[in-house]
Amino acid sequence: MSTITVYGIPNCNSVKKALDWYKKNNIQIDFVDYKKYGIKAEKLKEWCDLVGWEVLLNKKSTTWRSLSVEEQQLVKNEKVAIQLMIQYPSIIKRPVIEMNGKLVVGLNEDYFSL
């Protein structure tokens, strides 16, 4: 079985639900707290190639809403979005789940076990 890696922030309700689902179903996962350890540009680029930066960037988040209108308007391409996600990892939609070369972004139990 492939390794499943869940990325997120442990105090996020969506991440908690995902982690609880895996635990309840006795599925071993690796968890990466990207707020604590950060996230590398290479990993974000990889994710953007799979799903697009628009999917990863959570424009409904408190972090996004706390940015000035000018800062928000600067985010018009992948390069700027990646820099913003590195600077503010809590702006990344969560959880991000990697398994079998696929990526799931956001909470959707139907896709936890790709």
PDB file of N, CA and C in Angstrom:
ATOM      1  N   MET A   1       0.840  -1.193   0.000  1.00  0.00           N
ATOM      2  CA  MET A   1       0.000   0.000   0.000  1.00  0.00           C
ATOM      3  C   MET A   1       0.876   1.245   0.000  1.00  0.00           C
ATOM      4  N   SER A   2       0.473   2.228  -0.726  1.00  0.00           N
ATOM      5  CA  SER A   2       1.222   3.473  -0.819  1.00  0.00           C
ATOM      6  C   SER A   2       1.102   4.274   0.474  1.00  0.00           C
ATOM      7  N   THR A   3       2.096   5.115   0.671  1.00  0.00           N
ATOM      8  CA  THR A   3       2.054   6.023   1.805  1.00  0.00           C
ATOM      9  C   THR A   3       1.056   7.128   1.520  1.00  0.00           C
ATOM     10  N   ILE A   4       0.260   7.437   2.513  1.00  0.00           N
ATOM     11  CA  ILE A   4      -0.678   8.551   2.427  1.00  0.00           C
ATOM     12  C   ILE A   4      -0.105   9.658   3.286  1.00  0.00           C
ATOM     13  N   THR A   5       0.009  10.834   2.707  1.00  0.00           N
ATOM     14  CA  THR A   5       0.495  11.984   3.458  1.00  0.00           C
ATOM     15  C   THR A   5      -0.603  13.032   3.495  1.00  0.00           C
ATOM     16  N   VAL A   6      -0.924  13.456   4.708  1.00  0.00           N
ATOM     17  CA  VAL A   6      -1.920  14.499   4.915  1.00  0.00           C
ATOM     18  C   VAL A   6      -1.168  15.745   5.366  1.00  0.00           C
ATOM     19  N   TYR A   7      -1.395  16.842   4.657  1.00  0.00           N
ATOM     20  CA  TYR A   7      -0.783  18.129   4.984  1.00  0.00           C
ATOM     21  C   TYR A   7      -1.863  19.039   5.534  1.00  0.00           C
ATOM     22  N   GLY A   8      -1.512  19.809   6.544  1.00  0.00           N
ATOM     23  CA  GLY A   8      -2.477  20.748   7.082  1.00  0.00           C
ATOM     24  C   GLY A   8      -2.010  21.342   8.388  1.00  0.00           C
ATOM     25  N   ILE A   9      -2.982  21.816   9.133  1.00  0.00           N
ATOM     26  CA  ILE A   9      -2.769  22.446  10.427  1.00  0.00           C
ATOM     27  C   ILE A   9      -3.602  21.660  11.431  1.00  0.00           C
ATOM     28  N   PRO A  10      -2.988  21.168  12.521  1.00  0.00           N
ATOM     29  CA  PRO A  10      -3.702  20.245  13.400  1.00  0.00           C
ATOM     30  C   PRO A  10      -4.951  20.809  14.079  1.00  0.00           C
ATOM     31  N   ASN A  11      -5.038  22.118  14.242  1.00  0.00           N
ATOM     32  CA  ASN A  11      -6.216  22.677  14.905  1.00  0.00           C
ATOM     33  C   ASN A  11      -7.335  23.034  13.929  1.00  0.00           C
ATOM     34  N   CYS A  12      -7.161  22.723  12.645  1.00  0.00           N
ATOM     35  CA  CYS A  12      -8.181  22.973  11.623  1.00  0.00           C
ATOM     36  C   CYS A  12      -9.234  21.868  11.689  1.00  0.00           C
ATOM     37  N   ASN A  13     -10.508  22.238  11.716  1.00  0.00           N
ATOM     38  CA  ASN A  13     -11.580  21.248  11.823  1.00  0.00           C
ATOM     39  C   ASN A  13     -11.580  20.268  10.662  1.00  0.00           C
ATOM     40  N   SER A  14     -11.328  20.730   9.451  1.00  0.00           N
ATOM     41  CA  SER A  14     -11.305  19.839   8.288  1.00  0.00           C
ATOM     42  C   SER A  14     -10.158  18.827   8.393  1.00  0.00           C
ATOM     43  N   VAL A  15      -9.019  19.284   8.854  1.00  0.00           N
ATOM     44  CA  VAL A  15      -7.870  18.391   9.032  1.00  0.00           C
ATOM     45  C   VAL A  15      -8.179  17.388  10.131  1.00  0.00           C
ATOM     46  N   LYS A  16      -8.765  17.850  11.228  1.00  0.00           N
ATOM     47  CA  LYS A  16      -9.127  16.940  12.322  1.00  0.00           C
ATOM     48  C   LYS A  16     -10.073  15.854  11.829  1.00  0.00           C
ATOM     49  N   LYS A  17     -11.055  16.218  11.026  1.00  0.00           N
ATOM     50  CA  LYS A  17     -12.003  15.236  10.499  1.00  0.00           C
ATOM     51  C   LYS A  17     -11.296  14.214   9.624  1.00  0.00           C
ATOM     52  N   ALA A  18     -10.383  14.684   8.779  1.00  0.00           N
ATOM     53  CA  ALA A  18      -9.640  13.760   7.920  1.00  0.00           C
ATOM     54  C   ALA A  18      -8.785  12.812   8.755  1.00  0.00           C
ATOM     55  N   LEU A  19      -8.055  13.342   9.728  1.00  0.00           N
ATOM     56  CA  LEU A  19      -7.198  12.514  10.572  1.00  0.00           C
ATOM     57  C   LEU A  19      -8.030  11.512  11.370  1.00  0.00           C
ATOM     58  N   ASP A  20      -9.169  11.964  11.878  1.00  0.00           N
ATOM     59  CA  ASP A  20     -10.064  11.060  12.618  1.00  0.00           C
ATOM     60  C   ASP A  20     -10.588   9.948  11.715  1.00  0.00           C
ATOM     61  N   TRP A  21     -10.918  10.272  10.455  1.00  0.00           N
ATOM     62  CA  TRP A  21     -11.417   9.276   9.515  1.00  0.00           C
ATOM     63  C   TRP A  21     -10.372   8.192   9.282  1.00  0.00           C
ATOM     64  N   TYR A  22      -9.124   8.599   9.058  1.00  0.00           N
ATOM     65  CA  TYR A  22      -8.056   7.625   8.845  1.00  0.00           C
ATOM     66  C   TYR A  22      -7.850   6.760  10.077  1.00  0.00           C
ATOM     67  N   LYS A  23      -7.866   7.385  11.248  1.00  0.00           N
ATOM     68  CA  LYS A  23      -7.681   6.631  12.494  1.00  0.00           C
ATOM     69  C   LYS A  23      -8.809   5.622  12.676  1.00  0.00           C
ATOM     70  N   LYS A  24     -10.048   6.063  12.480  1.00  0.00           N
ATOM     71  CA  LYS A  24     -11.217   5.193  12.634  1.00  0.00           C
ATOM     72  C   LYS A  24     -11.152   3.998  11.683  1.00  0.00           C
ATOM     73  N   ASN A  25     -10.596   4.199  10.505  1.00  0.00           N
ATOM     74  CA  ASN A  25     -10.504   3.152   9.497  1.00  0.00           C
ATOM     75  C   ASN A  25      -9.163   2.413   9.522  1.00  0.00           C
ATOM     76  N   ASN A  26      -8.389   2.638  10.590  1.00  0.00           N
ATOM     77  CA  ASN A  26      -7.100   1.961  10.789  1.00  0.00           C
ATOM     78  C   ASN A  26      -6.171   2.084   9.578  1.00  0.00           C
ATOM     79  N   ILE A  27      -6.115   3.280   9.024  1.00  0.00           N
ATOM     80  CA  ILE A  27      -5.250   3.549   7.883  1.00  0.00           C
ATOM     81  C   ILE A  27      -4.089   4.405   8.366  1.00  0.00           C
ATOM     82  N   GLN A  28      -2.886   3.894   8.169  1.00  0.00           N
ATOM     83  CA  GLN A  28      -1.671   4.599   8.578  1.00  0.00           C
ATOM     84  C   GLN A  28      -1.400   5.758   7.616  1.00  0.00           C
ATOM     85  N   ILE A  29      -1.146   6.922   8.163  1.00  0.00           N
ATOM     86  CA  ILE A  29      -0.828   8.098   7.355  1.00  0.00           C
ATOM     87  C   ILE A  29       0.374   8.823   7.951  1.00  0.00           C
ATOM     88  N   ASP A  30       0.992   9.640   7.145  1.00  0.00           N
ATOM     89  CA  ASP A  30       1.996  10.586   7.627  1.00  0.00           C
ATOM     90  C   ASP A  30       1.311  11.947   7.652  1.00  0.00           C
ATOM     91  N   PHE A  31       1.537  12.704   8.716  1.00  0.00           N
ATOM     92  CA  PHE A  31       0.939  14.038   8.826  1.00  0.00           C
ATOM     93  C   PHE A  31       2.043  15.076   8.815  1.00  0.00           C
ATOM     94  N   VAL A  32       1.865  16.104   8.000  1.00  0.00           N
ATOM     95  CA  VAL A  32       2.818  17.216   7.923  1.00  0.00           C
ATOM     96  C   VAL A  32       2.085  18.495   8.303  1.00  0.00           C
ATOM     97  N   ASP A  33       2.521  19.092   9.398  1.00  0.00           N
ATOM     98  CA  ASP A  33       1.966  20.360   9.864  1.00  0.00           C
ATOM     99  C   ASP A  33       2.732  21.476   9.152  1.00  0.00           C
ATOM    100  N   TYR A  34       2.156  21.993   8.064  1.00  0.00           N
ATOM    101  CA  TYR A  34       2.910  22.977   7.288  1.00  0.00           C
ATOM    102  C   TYR A  34       2.902  24.363   7.908  1.00  0.00           C
ATOM    103  N   LYS A  35       2.126  24.568   8.923  1.00  0.00           N
ATOM    104  CA  LYS A  35       2.237  25.846   9.625  1.00  0.00           C
ATOM    105  C   LYS A  35       3.464  25.810  10.546  1.00  0.00           C
ATOM    106  N   LYS A  36       3.701  24.642  11.136  1.00  0.00           N
ATOM    107  CA  LYS A  36       4.835  24.487  12.045  1.00  0.00           C
ATOM    108  C   LYS A  36       6.156  24.339  11.288  1.00  0.00           C
ATOM    109  N   TYR A  37       6.148  23.533  10.227  1.00  0.00           N
ATOM    110  CA  TYR A  37       7.387  23.219   9.510  1.00  0.00           C
ATOM    111  C   TYR A  37       7.551  23.984   8.201  1.00  0.00           C
ATOM    112  N   GLY A  38       6.509  24.675   7.786  1.00  0.00           N
ATOM    113  CA  GLY A  38       6.572  25.390   6.522  1.00  0.00           C
ATOM    114  C   GLY A  38       6.310  24.452   5.357  1.00  0.00           C
ATOM    115  N   ILE A  39       6.332  25.015   4.185  1.00  0.00           N
ATOM    116  CA  ILE A  39       6.113  24.247   2.956  1.00  0.00           C
ATOM    117  C   ILE A  39       7.062  24.809   1.906  1.00  0.00           C
ATOM    118  N   LYS A  40       7.691  23.945   1.176  1.00  0.00           N
ATOM    119  CA  LYS A  40       8.685  24.365   0.190  1.00  0.00           C
ATOM    120  C   LYS A  40       8.013  24.737  -1.138  1.00  0.00           C
ATOM    121  N   ALA A  41       8.635  25.669  -1.829  1.00  0.00           N
ATOM    122  CA  ALA A  41       8.126  26.111  -3.134  1.00  0.00           C
ATOM    123  C   ALA A  41       8.015  24.936  -4.100  1.00  0.00           C
ATOM    124  N   GLU A  42       8.964  23.999  -4.024  1.00  0.00           N
ATOM    125  CA  GLU A  42       8.949  22.839  -4.932  1.00  0.00           C
ATOM    126  C   GLU A  42       7.693  21.998  -4.724  1.00  0.00           C
ATOM    127  N   LYS A  43       7.305  21.807  -3.473  1.00  0.00           N
ATOM    128  CA  LYS A  43       6.105  21.024  -3.173  1.00  0.00           C
ATOM    129  C   LYS A  43       4.864  21.762  -3.662  1.00  0.00           C
ATOM    130  N   LEU A  44       4.801  23.062  -3.426  1.00  0.00           N
ATOM    131  CA  LEU A  44       3.652  23.842  -3.894  1.00  0.00           C
ATOM    132  C   LEU A  44       3.571  23.832  -5.418  1.00  0.00           C
ATOM    133  N   LYS A  45       4.717  23.903  -6.091  1.00  0.00           N
ATOM    134  CA  LYS A  45       4.738  23.850  -7.557  1.00  0.00           C
ATOM    135  C   LYS A  45       4.208  22.499  -8.042  1.00  0.00           C
ATOM    136  N   GLU A  46       4.642  21.438  -7.381  1.00  0.00           N
ATOM    137  CA  GLU A  46       4.165  20.093  -7.711  1.00  0.00           C
ATOM    138  C   GLU A  46       2.644  20.022  -7.583  1.00  0.00           C
ATOM    139  N   TRP A  47       2.125  20.559  -6.481  1.00  0.00           N
ATOM    140  CA  TRP A  47       0.675  20.562  -6.260  1.00  0.00           C
ATOM    141  C   TRP A  47      -0.027  21.410  -7.313  1.00  0.00           C
ATOM    142  N   CYS A  48       0.541  22.570  -7.616  1.00  0.00           N
ATOM    143  CA  CYS A  48      -0.063  23.447  -8.638  1.00  0.00           C
ATOM    144  C   CYS A  48      -0.128  22.741  -9.985  1.00  0.00           C
ATOM    145  N   ASP A  49       0.908  21.971 -10.306  1.00  0.00           N
ATOM    146  CA  ASP A  49       0.907  21.226 -11.561  1.00  0.00           C
ATOM    147  C   ASP A  49      -0.220  20.191 -11.591  1.00  0.00           C
ATOM    148  N   LEU A  50      -0.575  19.655 -10.421  1.00  0.00           N
ATOM    149  CA  LEU A  50      -1.624  18.634 -10.346  1.00  0.00           C
ATOM    150  C   LEU A  50      -3.036  19.212 -10.327  1.00  0.00           C
ATOM    151  N   VAL A  51      -3.226  20.297  -9.554  1.00  0.00           N
ATOM    152  CA  VAL A  51      -4.601  20.800  -9.364  1.00  0.00           C
ATOM    153  C   VAL A  51      -4.789  22.273  -9.692  1.00  0.00           C
ATOM    154  N   GLY A  52      -3.699  23.011  -9.868  1.00  0.00           N
ATOM    155  CA  GLY A  52      -3.807  24.446 -10.132  1.00  0.00           C
ATOM    156  C   GLY A  52      -3.732  25.268  -8.857  1.00  0.00           C
ATOM    157  N   TRP A  53      -3.093  26.412  -8.962  1.00  0.00           N
ATOM    158  CA  TRP A  53      -2.914  27.257  -7.775  1.00  0.00           C
ATOM    159  C   TRP A  53      -4.237  27.805  -7.262  1.00  0.00           C
ATOM    160  N   GLU A  54      -5.197  27.974  -8.161  1.00  0.00           N
ATOM    161  CA  GLU A  54      -6.497  28.514  -7.756  1.00  0.00           C
ATOM    162  C   GLU A  54      -7.226  27.575  -6.789  1.00  0.00           C
ATOM    163  N   VAL A  55      -6.990  26.274  -6.919  1.00  0.00           N
ATOM    164  CA  VAL A  55      -7.597  25.289  -6.018  1.00  0.00           C
ATOM    165  C   VAL A  55      -6.916  25.329  -4.653  1.00  0.00           C
ATOM    166  N   LEU A  56      -5.613  25.490  -4.641  1.00  0.00           N
ATOM    167  CA  LEU A  56      -4.845  25.480  -3.392  1.00  0.00           C
ATOM    168  C   LEU A  56      -5.034  26.737  -2.551  1.00  0.00           C
ATOM    169  N   LEU A  57      -5.174  27.861  -3.198  1.00  0.00           N
ATOM    170  CA  LEU A  57      -5.277  29.134  -2.486  1.00  0.00           C
ATOM    171  C   LEU A  57      -6.693  29.313  -1.957  1.00  0.00           C
ATOM    172  N   ASN A  58      -6.816  29.358  -0.644  1.00  0.00           N
ATOM    173  CA  ASN A  58      -8.129  29.438  -0.009  1.00  0.00           C
ATOM    174  C   ASN A  58      -8.540  30.900   0.172  1.00  0.00           C
ATOM    175  N   LYS A  59      -9.324  31.395  -0.773  1.00  0.00           N
ATOM    176  CA  LYS A  59      -9.762  32.793  -0.726  1.00  0.00           C
ATOM    177  C   LYS A  59     -10.924  33.002   0.241  1.00  0.00           C
ATOM    178  N   LYS A  60     -11.372  31.936   0.902  1.00  0.00           N
ATOM    179  CA  LYS A  60     -12.416  32.076   1.924  1.00  0.00           C
ATOM    180  C   LYS A  60     -11.808  32.101   3.326  1.00  0.00           C
ATOM    181  N   SER A  61     -10.494  31.952   3.405  1.00  0.00           N
ATOM    182  CA  SER A  61      -9.833  31.852   4.708  1.00  0.00           C
ATOM    183  C   SER A  61      -9.748  33.205   5.412  1.00  0.00           C
ATOM    184  N   THR A  62      -9.590  33.129   6.702  1.00  0.00           N
ATOM    185  CA  THR A  62      -9.372  34.323   7.517  1.00  0.00           C
ATOM    186  C   THR A  62      -8.087  35.015   7.084  1.00  0.00           C
ATOM    187  N   THR A  63      -7.078  34.228   6.751  1.00  0.00           N
ATOM    188  CA  THR A  63      -5.800  34.802   6.329  1.00  0.00           C
ATOM    189  C   THR A  63      -5.972  35.617   5.055  1.00  0.00           C
ATOM    190  N   TRP A  64      -6.694  35.074   4.064  1.00  0.00           N
ATOM    191  CA  TRP A  64      -6.943  35.812   2.820  1.00  0.00           C
ATOM    192  C   TRP A  64      -7.694  37.105   3.115  1.00  0.00           C
ATOM    193  N   ARG A  65      -8.724  37.013   3.932  1.00  0.00           N
ATOM    194  CA  ARG A  65      -9.539  38.197   4.236  1.00  0.00           C
ATOM    195  C   ARG A  65      -8.761  39.243   5.019  1.00  0.00           C
ATOM    196  N   SER A  66      -7.706  38.814   5.725  1.00  0.00           N
ATOM    197  CA  SER A  66      -6.901  39.778   6.491  1.00  0.00           C
ATOM    198  C   SER A  66      -5.899  40.531   5.615  1.00  0.00           C
ATOM    199  N   LEU A  67      -5.689  40.056   4.381  1.00  0.00           N
ATOM    200  CA  LEU A  67      -4.802  40.768   3.461  1.00  0.00           C
ATOM    201  C   LEU A  67      -5.483  42.042   2.965  1.00  0.00           C
ATOM    202  N   SER A  68      -4.678  43.025   2.633  1.00  0.00           N
ATOM    203  CA  SER A  68      -5.241  44.246   2.058  1.00  0.00           C
ATOM    204  C   SER A  68      -5.764  43.932   0.652  1.00  0.00           C
ATOM    205  N   VAL A  69      -6.663  44.765   0.171  1.00  0.00           N
ATOM    206  CA  VAL A  69      -7.197  44.603  -1.179  1.00  0.00           C
ATOM    207  C   VAL A  69      -6.050  44.646  -2.190  1.00  0.00           C
ATOM    208  N   GLU A  70      -5.076  45.507  -1.935  1.00  0.00           N
ATOM    209  CA  GLU A  70      -3.928  45.620  -2.834  1.00  0.00           C
ATOM    210  C   GLU A  70      -3.145  44.308  -2.879  1.00  0.00           C
ATOM    211  N   GLU A  71      -2.924  43.690  -1.706  1.00  0.00           N
ATOM    212  CA  GLU A  71      -2.208  42.414  -1.662  1.00  0.00           C
ATOM    213  C   GLU A  71      -2.995  41.324  -2.398  1.00  0.00           C
ATOM    214  N   GLN A  72      -4.294  41.294  -2.196  1.00  0.00           N
ATOM    215  CA  GLN A  72      -5.136  40.303  -2.873  1.00  0.00           C
ATOM    216  C   GLN A  72      -5.080  40.468  -4.384  1.00  0.00           C
ATOM    217  N   GLN A  73      -5.102  41.697  -4.831  1.00  0.00           N
ATOM    218  CA  GLN A  73      -5.111  41.959  -6.270  1.00  0.00           C
ATOM    219  C   GLN A  73      -3.796  41.586  -6.957  1.00  0.00           C
ATOM    220  N   LEU A  74      -2.713  41.464  -6.195  1.00  0.00           N
ATOM    221  CA  LEU A  74      -1.426  41.073  -6.757  1.00  0.00           C
ATOM    222  C   LEU A  74      -1.374  39.589  -7.127  1.00  0.00           C
ATOM    223  N   VAL A  75      -2.289  38.783  -6.555  1.00  0.00           N
ATOM    224  CA  VAL A  75      -2.275  37.334  -6.763  1.00  0.00           C
ATOM    225  C   VAL A  75      -3.013  37.011  -8.056  1.00  0.00           C
ATOM    226  N   LYS A  76      -2.249  37.030  -9.151  1.00  0.00           N
ATOM    227  CA  LYS A  76      -2.843  36.814 -10.473  1.00  0.00           C
ATOM    228  C   LYS A  76      -2.196  35.659 -11.222  1.00  0.00           C
ATOM    229  N   ASN A  77      -1.177  35.032 -10.591  1.00  0.00           N
ATOM    230  CA  ASN A  77      -0.521  33.916 -11.267  1.00  0.00           C
ATOM    231  C   ASN A  77       0.066  32.948 -10.240  1.00  0.00           C
ATOM    232  N   GLU A  78       0.517  31.824 -10.738  1.00  0.00           N
ATOM    233  CA  GLU A  78       1.043  30.763  -9.876  1.00  0.00           C
ATOM    234  C   GLU A  78       2.237  31.220  -9.053  1.00  0.00           C
ATOM    235  N   LYS A  79       3.160  31.930  -9.668  1.00  0.00           N
ATOM    236  CA  LYS A  79       4.378  32.355  -8.975  1.00  0.00           C
ATOM    237  C   LYS A  79       4.046  33.214  -7.751  1.00  0.00           C
ATOM    238  N   VAL A  80       3.177  34.170  -7.912  1.00  0.00           N
ATOM    239  CA  VAL A  80       2.788  35.047  -6.797  1.00  0.00           C
ATOM    240  C   VAL A  80       2.005  34.250  -5.750  1.00  0.00           C
ATOM    241  N   ALA A  81       1.136  33.365  -6.201  1.00  0.00           N
ATOM    242  CA  ALA A  81       0.339  32.544  -5.278  1.00  0.00           C
ATOM    243  C   ALA A  81       1.243  31.655  -4.429  1.00  0.00           C
ATOM    244  N   ILE A  82       2.245  31.047  -5.051  1.00  0.00           N
ATOM    245  CA  ILE A  82       3.170  30.189  -4.304  1.00  0.00           C
ATOM    246  C   ILE A  82       3.927  30.993  -3.258  1.00  0.00           C
ATOM    247  N   GLN A  83       4.405  32.172  -3.620  1.00  0.00           N
ATOM    248  CA  GLN A  83       5.110  33.020  -2.653  1.00  0.00           C
ATOM    249  C   GLN A  83       4.198  33.373  -1.469  1.00  0.00           C
ATOM    250  N   LEU A  84       2.933  33.660  -1.758  1.00  0.00           N
ATOM    251  CA  LEU A  84       1.973  33.984  -0.704  1.00  0.00           C
ATOM    252  C   LEU A  84       1.726  32.775   0.193  1.00  0.00           C
ATOM    253  N   MET A  85       1.608  31.569  -0.397  1.00  0.00           N
ATOM    254  CA  MET A  85       1.366  30.354   0.393  1.00  0.00           C
ATOM    255  C   MET A  85       2.572  29.992   1.249  1.00  0.00           C
ATOM    256  N   ILE A  86       3.777  30.321   0.776  1.00  0.00           N
ATOM    257  CA  ILE A  86       4.976  30.106   1.592  1.00  0.00           C
ATOM    258  C   ILE A  86       4.966  31.070   2.773  1.00  0.00           C
ATOM    259  N   GLN A  87       4.628  32.310   2.499  1.00  0.00           N
ATOM    260  CA  GLN A  87       4.609  33.332   3.546  1.00  0.00           C
ATOM    261  C   GLN A  87       3.500  33.086   4.556  1.00  0.00           C
ATOM    262  N   TYR A  88       2.335  32.650   4.078  1.00  0.00           N
ATOM    263  CA  TYR A  88       1.167  32.419   4.934  1.00  0.00           C
ATOM    264  C   TYR A  88       0.620  31.009   4.677  1.00  0.00           C
ATOM    265  N   PRO A  89       1.238  29.970   5.253  1.00  0.00           N
ATOM    266  CA  PRO A  89       0.786  28.607   4.960  1.00  0.00           C
ATOM    267  C   PRO A  89      -0.669  28.341   5.353  1.00  0.00           C
ATOM    268  N   SER A  90      -1.210  29.118   6.266  1.00  0.00           N
ATOM    269  CA  SER A  90      -2.608  28.907   6.642  1.00  0.00           C
ATOM    270  C   SER A  90      -3.579  29.352   5.550  1.00  0.00           C
ATOM    271  N   ILE A  91      -3.057  29.935   4.479  1.00  0.00           N
ATOM    272  CA  ILE A  91      -3.907  30.342   3.356  1.00  0.00           C
ATOM    273  C   ILE A  91      -4.109  29.188   2.363  1.00  0.00           C
ATOM    274  N   ILE A  92      -3.402  28.069   2.594  1.00  0.00           N
ATOM    275  CA  ILE A  92      -3.553  26.887   1.739  1.00  0.00           C
ATOM    276  C   ILE A  92      -4.808  26.134   2.176  1.00  0.00           C
ATOM    277  N   LYS A  93      -5.650  25.801   1.212  1.00  0.00           N
ATOM    278  CA  LYS A  93      -6.853  25.039   1.518  1.00  0.00           C
ATOM    279  C   LYS A  93      -6.446  23.710   2.133  1.00  0.00           C
ATOM    280  N   ARG A  94      -7.224  23.209   3.075  1.00  0.00           N
ATOM    281  CA  ARG A  94      -6.848  21.998   3.782  1.00  0.00           C
ATOM    282  C   ARG A  94      -8.031  21.068   3.997  1.00  0.00           C
ATOM    283  N   PRO A  95      -7.682  19.811   4.205  1.00  0.00           N
ATOM    284  CA  PRO A  95      -6.359  19.204   4.127  1.00  0.00           C
ATOM    285  C   PRO A  95      -5.927  19.006   2.677  1.00  0.00           C
ATOM    286  N   VAL A  96      -4.630  18.786   2.504  1.00  0.00           N
ATOM    287  CA  VAL A  96      -4.092  18.373   1.220  1.00  0.00           C
ATOM    288  C   VAL A  96      -3.613  16.941   1.437  1.00  0.00           C
ATOM    289  N   ILE A  97      -4.118  16.012   0.624  1.00  0.00           N
ATOM    290  CA  ILE A  97      -3.822  14.591   0.806  1.00  0.00           C
ATOM    291  C   ILE A  97      -3.145  14.057  -0.453  1.00  0.00           C
ATOM    292  N   GLU A  98      -1.954  13.482  -0.253  1.00  0.00           N
ATOM    293  CA  GLU A  98      -1.206  12.864  -1.345  1.00  0.00           C
ATOM    294  C   GLU A  98      -1.266  11.348  -1.201  1.00  0.00           C
ATOM    295  N   MET A  99      -1.595  10.671  -2.316  1.00  0.00           N
ATOM    296  CA  MET A  99      -1.571   9.210  -2.331  1.00  0.00           C
ATOM    297  C   MET A  99      -1.596   8.726  -3.767  1.00  0.00           C
ATOM    298  N   ASN A 100      -0.746   7.756  -4.065  1.00  0.00           N
ATOM    299  CA  ASN A 100      -0.707   7.143  -5.395  1.00  0.00           C
ATOM    300  C   ASN A 100      -0.533   8.168  -6.514  1.00  0.00           C
ATOM    301  N   GLY A 101       0.273   9.207  -6.273  1.00  0.00           N
ATOM    302  CA  GLY A 101       0.512  10.205  -7.292  1.00  0.00           C
ATOM    303  C   GLY A 101      -0.662  11.144  -7.522  1.00  0.00           C
ATOM    304  N   LYS A 102      -1.672  11.044  -6.681  1.00  0.00           N
ATOM    305  CA  LYS A 102      -2.848  11.905  -6.808  1.00  0.00           C
ATOM    306  C   LYS A 102      -2.898  12.865  -5.632  1.00  0.00           C
ATOM    307  N   LEU A 103      -3.697  13.902  -5.807  1.00  0.00           N
ATOM    308  CA  LEU A 103      -3.809  14.928  -4.789  1.00  0.00           C
ATOM    309  C   LEU A 103      -5.278  15.269  -4.579  1.00  0.00           C
ATOM    310  N   VAL A 104      -5.676  15.310  -3.314  1.00  0.00           N
ATOM    311  CA  VAL A 104      -7.024  15.734  -2.946  1.00  0.00           C
ATOM    312  C   VAL A 104      -6.865  16.973  -2.082  1.00  0.00           C
ATOM    313  N   VAL A 105      -7.600  18.014  -2.431  1.00  0.00           N
ATOM    314  CA  VAL A 105      -7.527  19.270  -1.686  1.00  0.00           C
ATOM    315  C   VAL A 105      -8.900  19.551  -1.100  1.00  0.00           C
ATOM    316  N   GLY A 106      -8.954  19.714   0.218  1.00  0.00           N
ATOM    317  CA  GLY A 106     -10.214  19.981   0.892  1.00  0.00           C
ATOM    318  C   GLY A 106     -10.788  18.703   1.484  1.00  0.00           C
ATOM    319  N   LEU A 107     -11.832  18.869   2.257  1.00  0.00           N
ATOM    320  CA  LEU A 107     -12.441  17.756   2.972  1.00  0.00           C
ATOM    321  C   LEU A 107     -13.477  17.068   2.113  1.00  0.00           C
ATOM    322  N   ASN A 108     -13.206  15.824   1.753  1.00  0.00           N
ATOM    323  CA  ASN A 108     -14.147  15.020   0.995  1.00  0.00           C
ATOM    324  C   ASN A 108     -13.853  13.561   1.313  1.00  0.00           C
ATOM    325  N   GLU A 109     -14.626  12.964   2.221  1.00  0.00           N
ATOM    326  CA  GLU A 109     -14.365  11.598   2.676  1.00  0.00           C
ATOM    327  C   GLU A 109     -14.384  10.601   1.538  1.00  0.00           C
ATOM    328  N   ASP A 110     -15.094  10.880   0.462  1.00  0.00           N
ATOM    329  CA  ASP A 110     -15.131   9.954  -0.675  1.00  0.00           C
ATOM    330  C   ASP A 110     -13.754   9.759  -1.287  1.00  0.00           C
ATOM    331  N   TYR A 111     -12.859  10.700  -1.095  1.00  0.00           N
ATOM    332  CA  TYR A 111     -11.554  10.640  -1.733  1.00  0.00           C
ATOM    333  C   TYR A 111     -10.409  10.382  -0.763  1.00  0.00           C
ATOM    334  N   PHE A 112     -10.694  10.129   0.509  1.00  0.00           N
ATOM    335  CA  PHE A 112      -9.638   9.908   1.483  1.00  0.00           C
ATOM    336  C   PHE A 112      -8.786   8.701   1.134  1.00  0.00           C
ATOM    337  N   SER A 113      -9.379   7.698   0.518  1.00  0.00           N
ATOM    338  CA  SER A 113      -8.640   6.452   0.270  1.00  0.00           C
ATOM    339  C   SER A 113      -8.495   6.178  -1.218  1.00  0.00           C
ATOM    340  N   LEU A 114      -7.937   7.132  -1.934  1.00  0.00           N
ATOM    341  CA  LEU A 114      -7.688   6.979  -3.363  1.00  0.00           C
ATOM    342  C   LEU A 114      -6.982   5.681  -3.601  1.00  0.00           C
TER     343      LEU A 114
END
